[in-house]
Amino acid sequence: MTKIALVVGSLSRQSINRSIAEYIAAQAPQGVEVEEVAIADLPLYTQDLDAETVPAYDRVRAQLKAADAVLIVSPEHNRSIPAAMKNLIDAASRPFGQSVWGGKKTAIVTASPGGYGGINSGLHLRQSLQSLGADVLISPEVFLSKANAALDENGKVADERTQGFLNKFASAFYAWAVQ
């Protein structure tokens, strides 16, 4: 069984990115298990906590470490990475010498109601994760612009063109993750 850790970088209850993440997760082939890594309860990372036991940090570090690959689906906040997403990256990279990111297969998807599709966030995520030694999937890329238009009134991906695009990504990602 291949394990995928799914991280949704938005804390919004009506997140476009959660809808996109759920769609991609639903495309997982048989033999692939997708488990979400909850990030809303993580205390803000500070090096002062490295000597303490922080159950939320221990939980996410264990989930990420146990995963064969990580799928991050995140919005863009102020042309960069959302604070909750950056907090996870930091918490999972510490204490020094104990980062879970080294060699971890990681794919990044961004979605936005705007015209740029969260590309800045996606590129900043890639930069941060590569600096920590993650094996980041470079292609295919997903920077989904005007993503809200792809969702129906229930927040599900309903646009056929978007479904086809996400299906191609999901197929490539899952094939890469199980290698």
Foldseek 3Di string as FASTA:
>chain_A
DAEEEEEEQDPDPLDLLVQLSVLLQVLADPPYHYDYLDQPPDDQDDLVCQVDDDPSLVVNLVSLLPHLAYEYEYEADPLEGDRSVVSNQVSQCDDDPRHSLAAHEYEYAAADLADFLRVSHRVRVVVSSVVSHHNYDPPPYHSHYSSVVQADPVSHRNNPVVSVVSSVVSVVSNVVSVD
